[in-house]
């Protein structure tokens, strides 16, 4: 994981939000002849999300697309904050942190493409997955070694949990 900001900032994160396509997935979706869409999710990412939730860190998904597969997977993981079909990620984020009473400086966001840039600039800690476009790697505080759909979410979760553990000791 490459980084541009002090890792100690990670310990203060109370909410981490993720884009879906290109972050939880490899960015591809499969569309059958009958219009049925499917996606592949990494089970290790799911375990990381469950660990974050168990540690008291809020988890959210904010995605520009709408997918029943995403809704089902997030429900399975216990992610309560799922915003899909979102044209304005900043507005969705502001509504979420307002409802949770969390300051944006205590939030992290993980993205992979240009539409994520405004929200990445709004949070306290920003992450680009390895397969992100170059503009994100330049703008973000941290870049994962793993690509979206192949453990990038788990890598972020582990970093946040490790920082909290170090801060507590």
C-alpha atoms as a PDB file:
ATOM      1  CA  UNK A   1       0.000   0.000   0.000  1.00  0.00           C
ATOM      2  CA  UNK A   2       1.525   3.294  -0.999  1.00  0.00           C
ATOM      3  CA  UNK A   3       0.645   6.318   1.079  1.00  0.00           C
ATOM      4  CA  UNK A   4       0.905  10.092   1.022  1.00  0.00           C
ATOM      5  CA  UNK A   5      -0.479  10.894   4.496  1.00  0.00           C
ATOM      6  CA  UNK A   6       0.352   9.664   7.994  1.00  0.00           C
ATOM      7  CA  UNK A   7      -1.102   6.255   8.802  1.00  0.00           C
ATOM      8  CA  UNK A   8      -2.227   7.588  12.210  1.00  0.00           C
ATOM      9  CA  UNK A   9      -5.154   9.283  10.437  1.00  0.00           C
ATOM     10  CA  UNK A  10      -6.568   5.814   9.792  1.00  0.00           C
ATOM     11  CA  UNK A  11      -7.264   5.218  13.484  1.00  0.00           C
ATOM     12  CA  UNK A  12      -9.778   8.088  13.569  1.00  0.00           C
ATOM     13  CA  UNK A  13     -11.972   6.712  10.759  1.00  0.00           C
ATOM     14  CA  UNK A  14     -15.529   6.037  11.966  1.00  0.00           C
ATOM     15  CA  UNK A  15     -17.114   5.475   8.541  1.00  0.00           C
ATOM     16  CA  UNK A  16     -15.637   3.972   5.402  1.00  0.00           C
ATOM     17  CA  UNK A  17     -17.620   4.210   2.175  1.00  0.00           C
ATOM     18  CA  UNK A  18     -16.877   2.284  -0.979  1.00  0.00           C
ATOM     19  CA  UNK A  19     -17.711   2.589  -4.633  1.00  0.00           C
ATOM     20  CA  UNK A  20     -18.781  -0.802  -6.027  1.00  0.00           C
ATOM     21  CA  UNK A  21     -17.804  -1.349  -9.656  1.00  0.00           C
ATOM     22  CA  UNK A  22     -14.016  -1.462  -9.834  1.00  0.00           C
ATOM     23  CA  UNK A  23     -13.682  -1.573  -6.027  1.00  0.00           C
ATOM     24  CA  UNK A  24     -15.812  -4.433  -4.691  1.00  0.00           C
ATOM     25  CA  UNK A  25     -15.699  -5.935  -8.196  1.00  0.00           C
ATOM     26  CA  UNK A  26     -13.148  -5.955 -10.988  1.00  0.00           C
ATOM     27  CA  UNK A  27     -15.272  -3.395 -12.809  1.00  0.00           C
ATOM     28  CA  UNK A  28     -16.946  -5.868 -15.129  1.00  0.00           C
ATOM     29  CA  UNK A  29     -20.518  -7.052 -14.995  1.00  0.00           C
ATOM     30  CA  UNK A  30     -22.022  -9.897 -16.919  1.00  0.00           C
ATOM     31  CA  UNK A  31     -25.253  -9.389 -18.836  1.00  0.00           C
ATOM     32  CA  UNK A  32     -27.137 -12.426 -20.141  1.00  0.00           C
ATOM     33  CA  UNK A  33     -29.203 -12.538 -23.321  1.00  0.00           C
ATOM     34  CA  UNK A  34     -32.296 -12.109 -21.142  1.00  0.00           C
ATOM     35  CA  UNK A  35     -30.914  -9.014 -19.397  1.00  0.00           C
ATOM     36  CA  UNK A  36     -29.912 -10.673 -16.132  1.00  0.00           C
ATOM     37  CA  UNK A  37     -26.859  -8.987 -14.618  1.00  0.00           C
ATOM     38  CA  UNK A  38     -24.315 -10.703 -12.396  1.00  0.00           C
ATOM     39  CA  UNK A  39     -21.124  -9.624 -10.631  1.00  0.00           C
ATOM     40  CA  UNK A  40     -18.291 -11.402  -8.870  1.00  0.00           C
ATOM     41  CA  UNK A  41     -17.349 -10.439  -5.306  1.00  0.00           C
ATOM     42  CA  UNK A  42     -14.243 -11.479  -3.352  1.00  0.00           C
ATOM     43  CA  UNK A  43     -15.062 -13.453  -0.197  1.00  0.00           C
ATOM     44  CA  UNK A  44     -11.980 -12.079   1.558  1.00  0.00           C
ATOM     45  CA  UNK A  45     -13.339  -8.562   1.040  1.00  0.00           C
ATOM     46  CA  UNK A  46     -16.562  -9.660   2.702  1.00  0.00           C
ATOM     47  CA  UNK A  47     -14.697 -10.963   5.734  1.00  0.00           C
ATOM     48  CA  UNK A  48     -12.871  -7.633   6.032  1.00  0.00           C
ATOM     49  CA  UNK A  49     -16.161  -5.724   5.930  1.00  0.00           C
ATOM     50  CA  UNK A  50     -17.627  -7.941   8.641  1.00  0.00           C
ATOM     51  CA  UNK A  51     -14.556  -7.337  10.820  1.00  0.00           C
ATOM     52  CA  UNK A  52     -14.883  -3.558  10.370  1.00  0.00           C
ATOM     53  CA  UNK A  53     -18.532  -3.665  11.335  1.00  0.00           C
ATOM     54  CA  UNK A  54     -17.713  -5.805  14.386  1.00  0.00           C
ATOM     55  CA  UNK A  55     -15.127  -3.216  15.422  1.00  0.00           C
ATOM     56  CA  UNK A  56     -17.791  -0.495  15.370  1.00  0.00           C
ATOM     57  CA  UNK A  57     -16.755   1.149  12.106  1.00  0.00           C
ATOM     58  CA  UNK A  58     -19.719   2.112   9.928  1.00  0.00           C
ATOM     59  CA  UNK A  59     -19.577   0.823   6.346  1.00  0.00           C
ATOM     60  CA  UNK A  60     -21.402   2.291   3.364  1.00  0.00           C
ATOM     61  CA  UNK A  61     -21.647   1.751  -0.361  1.00  0.00           C
ATOM     62  CA  UNK A  62     -22.265   4.681  -2.683  1.00  0.00           C
ATOM     63  CA  UNK A  63     -22.602   3.641  -6.317  1.00  0.00           C
ATOM     64  CA  UNK A  64     -23.688   5.304  -9.512  1.00  0.00           C
ATOM     65  CA  UNK A  65     -25.200   2.079 -10.823  1.00  0.00           C
ATOM     66  CA  UNK A  66     -28.082   0.034  -9.475  1.00  0.00           C
ATOM     67  CA  UNK A  67     -27.722  -3.725  -9.097  1.00  0.00           C
ATOM     68  CA  UNK A  68     -29.777  -6.340  -7.293  1.00  0.00           C
ATOM     69  CA  UNK A  69     -26.559  -8.328  -6.827  1.00  0.00           C
ATOM     70  CA  UNK A  70     -25.028  -5.431  -4.881  1.00  0.00           C
ATOM     71  CA  UNK A  71     -28.110  -5.074  -2.693  1.00  0.00           C
ATOM     72  CA  UNK A  72     -28.068  -8.804  -1.940  1.00  0.00           C
ATOM     73  CA  UNK A  73     -24.329  -8.924  -1.191  1.00  0.00           C
ATOM     74  CA  UNK A  74     -24.383  -5.879   1.084  1.00  0.00           C
ATOM     75  CA  UNK A  75     -27.409  -7.236   2.942  1.00  0.00           C
ATOM     76  CA  UNK A  76     -25.573 -10.534   3.385  1.00  0.00           C
ATOM     77  CA  UNK A  77     -22.574  -8.669   4.851  1.00  0.00           C
ATOM     78  CA  UNK A  78     -24.697  -6.534   7.168  1.00  0.00           C
ATOM     79  CA  UNK A  79     -23.947  -3.245   5.395  1.00  0.00           C
ATOM     80  CA  UNK A  80     -26.915  -1.028   6.300  1.00  0.00           C
ATOM     81  CA  UNK A  81     -25.940   2.052   4.308  1.00  0.00           C
ATOM     82  CA  UNK A  82     -26.337   1.273   0.609  1.00  0.00           C
ATOM     83  CA  UNK A  83     -26.949   4.045  -1.903  1.00  0.00           C
ATOM     84  CA  UNK A  84     -27.305   2.927  -5.524  1.00  0.00           C
ATOM     85  CA  UNK A  85     -28.193   4.763  -8.710  1.00  0.00           C
ATOM     86  CA  UNK A  86     -26.554   7.827  -7.230  1.00  0.00           C
ATOM     87  CA  UNK A  87     -25.930  10.805  -9.506  1.00  0.00           C
ATOM     88  CA  UNK A  88     -24.532  12.981  -6.708  1.00  0.00           C
ATOM     89  CA  UNK A  89     -22.212  11.039  -4.405  1.00  0.00           C
ATOM     90  CA  UNK A  90     -21.411  14.141  -2.335  1.00  0.00           C
ATOM     91  CA  UNK A  91     -25.107  14.734  -1.541  1.00  0.00           C
ATOM     92  CA  UNK A  92     -25.578  11.050  -0.638  1.00  0.00           C
ATOM     93  CA  UNK A  93     -22.487  11.185   1.582  1.00  0.00           C
ATOM     94  CA  UNK A  94     -23.588  14.412   3.303  1.00  0.00           C
ATOM     95  CA  UNK A  95     -27.016  12.922   4.035  1.00  0.00           C
ATOM     96  CA  UNK A  96     -25.401   9.796   5.457  1.00  0.00           C
ATOM     97  CA  UNK A  97     -22.898  11.522   7.739  1.00  0.00           C
ATOM     98  CA  UNK A  98     -25.596  13.935   8.884  1.00  0.00           C
ATOM     99  CA  UNK A  99     -27.833  11.036   9.890  1.00  0.00           C
ATOM    100  CA  UNK A 100     -24.936   9.283  11.651  1.00  0.00           C
ATOM    101  CA  UNK A 101     -23.543  12.409  13.318  1.00  0.00           C
ATOM    102  CA  UNK A 102     -20.067  11.808  11.898  1.00  0.00           C
ATOM    103  CA  UNK A 103     -17.750  14.552  10.661  1.00  0.00           C
ATOM    104  CA  UNK A 104     -16.357  14.144   7.133  1.00  0.00           C
ATOM    105  CA  UNK A 105     -12.821  14.243   8.579  1.00  0.00           C
ATOM    106  CA  UNK A 106     -13.630  10.950  10.340  1.00  0.00           C
ATOM    107  CA  UNK A 107     -14.563   9.260   7.064  1.00  0.00           C
ATOM    108  CA  UNK A 108     -12.730   7.357   4.372  1.00  0.00           C
ATOM    109  CA  UNK A 109     -13.791   6.678   0.804  1.00  0.00           C
ATOM    110  CA  UNK A 110     -12.457   4.096  -1.638  1.00  0.00           C
ATOM    111  CA  UNK A 111     -12.792   4.657  -5.378  1.00  0.00           C
ATOM    112  CA  UNK A 112     -11.420   3.725  -8.762  1.00  0.00           C
ATOM    113  CA  UNK A 113     -12.497   6.280 -11.363  1.00  0.00           C
ATOM    114  CA  UNK A 114     -12.972   9.986 -12.116  1.00  0.00           C
ATOM    115  CA  UNK A 115     -16.595  10.195 -10.830  1.00  0.00           C
ATOM    116  CA  UNK A 116     -15.194   9.355  -7.366  1.00  0.00           C
ATOM    117  CA  UNK A 117     -12.829  12.360  -7.250  1.00  0.00           C
ATOM    118  CA  UNK A 118     -15.213  14.901  -5.648  1.00  0.00           C
ATOM    119  CA  UNK A 119     -16.069  12.554  -2.780  1.00  0.00           C
ATOM    120  CA  UNK A 120     -12.449  11.477  -2.346  1.00  0.00           C
ATOM    121  CA  UNK A 121     -11.570  15.140  -1.879  1.00  0.00           C
ATOM    122  CA  UNK A 122     -14.330  15.574   0.730  1.00  0.00           C
ATOM    123  CA  UNK A 123     -13.326  12.820   3.180  1.00  0.00           C
ATOM    124  CA  UNK A 124     -10.569  12.733   5.784  1.00  0.00           C
ATOM    125  CA  UNK A 125      -8.795   9.736   4.228  1.00  0.00           C
ATOM    126  CA  UNK A 126      -8.951   8.746   0.557  1.00  0.00           C
ATOM    127  CA  UNK A 127      -8.046   5.444  -1.086  1.00  0.00           C
ATOM    128  CA  UNK A 128      -7.496   4.460  -4.703  1.00  0.00           C
ATOM    129  CA  UNK A 129      -7.538   0.759  -5.575  1.00  0.00           C
ATOM    130  CA  UNK A 130      -4.595  -0.556  -7.611  1.00  0.00           C
ATOM    131  CA  UNK A 131      -6.630  -0.633 -10.832  1.00  0.00           C
ATOM    132  CA  UNK A 132      -7.822   2.972 -10.426  1.00  0.00           C
ATOM    133  CA  UNK A 133      -7.231   5.532 -13.140  1.00  0.00           C
ATOM    134  CA  UNK A 134      -4.000   7.557 -12.737  1.00  0.00           C
ATOM    135  CA  UNK A 135      -5.862  10.705 -11.599  1.00  0.00           C
ATOM    136  CA  UNK A 136      -7.058   8.876  -8.480  1.00  0.00           C
ATOM    137  CA  UNK A 137      -3.615   7.632  -7.507  1.00  0.00           C
ATOM    138  CA  UNK A 138      -2.375  11.224  -7.757  1.00  0.00           C
ATOM    139  CA  UNK A 139      -5.270  12.600  -5.680  1.00  0.00           C
ATOM    140  CA  UNK A 140      -5.605   9.939  -2.964  1.00  0.00           C
ATOM    141  CA  UNK A 141      -3.834   9.562   0.354  1.00  0.00           C
ATOM    142  CA  UNK A 142      -3.363   5.809  -0.065  1.00  0.00           C
ATOM    143  CA  UNK A 143      -3.273   3.349  -2.958  1.00  0.00           C
ATOM    144  CA  UNK A 144      -3.857  -0.356  -2.470  1.00  0.00           C
ATOM    145  CA  UNK A 145      -1.613  -3.066  -3.853  1.00  0.00           C
ATOM    146  CA  UNK A 146      -4.637  -5.227  -4.689  1.00  0.00           C
ATOM    147  CA  UNK A 147      -7.049  -4.453  -7.491  1.00  0.00           C
ATOM    148  CA  UNK A 148     -10.785  -4.045  -7.087  1.00  0.00           C
ATOM    149  CA  UNK A 149     -12.520  -7.402  -6.895  1.00  0.00           C
ATOM    150  CA  UNK A 150      -9.258  -9.056  -5.870  1.00  0.00           C
ATOM    151  CA  UNK A 151      -8.773  -8.035  -2.242  1.00  0.00           C
ATOM    152  CA  UNK A 152      -8.541  -4.225  -2.358  1.00  0.00           C
ATOM    153  CA  UNK A 153     -11.493  -3.859   0.031  1.00  0.00           C
ATOM    154  CA  UNK A 154      -9.900  -6.326   2.451  1.00  0.00           C
ATOM    155  CA  UNK A 155      -6.620  -4.432   2.272  1.00  0.00           C
ATOM    156  CA  UNK A 156      -8.363  -1.182   3.258  1.00  0.00           C
ATOM    157  CA  UNK A 157     -10.291  -2.920   6.051  1.00  0.00           C
ATOM    158  CA  UNK A 158      -7.115  -4.481   7.433  1.00  0.00           C
ATOM    159  CA  UNK A 159      -5.280  -1.143   7.336  1.00  0.00           C
ATOM    160  CA  UNK A 160      -8.068   0.566   9.266  1.00  0.00           C
ATOM    161  CA  UNK A 161      -8.282  -2.213  11.843  1.00  0.00           C
ATOM    162  CA  UNK A 162      -4.491  -2.340  12.288  1.00  0.00           C
ATOM    163  CA  UNK A 163      -4.403   1.426  12.865  1.00  0.00           C
ATOM    164  CA  UNK A 164      -7.169   1.184  15.483  1.00  0.00           C
ATOM    165  CA  UNK A 165      -5.320  -1.655  17.238  1.00  0.00           C
ATOM    166  CA  UNK A 166      -2.044   0.307  17.295  1.00  0.00           C
ATOM    167  CA  UNK A 167      -3.837   3.417  18.605  1.00  0.00           C
ATOM    168  CA  UNK A 168      -5.479   1.404  21.403  1.00  0.00           C
ATOM    169  CA  UNK A 169      -2.202  -0.112  22.626  1.00  0.00           C
END
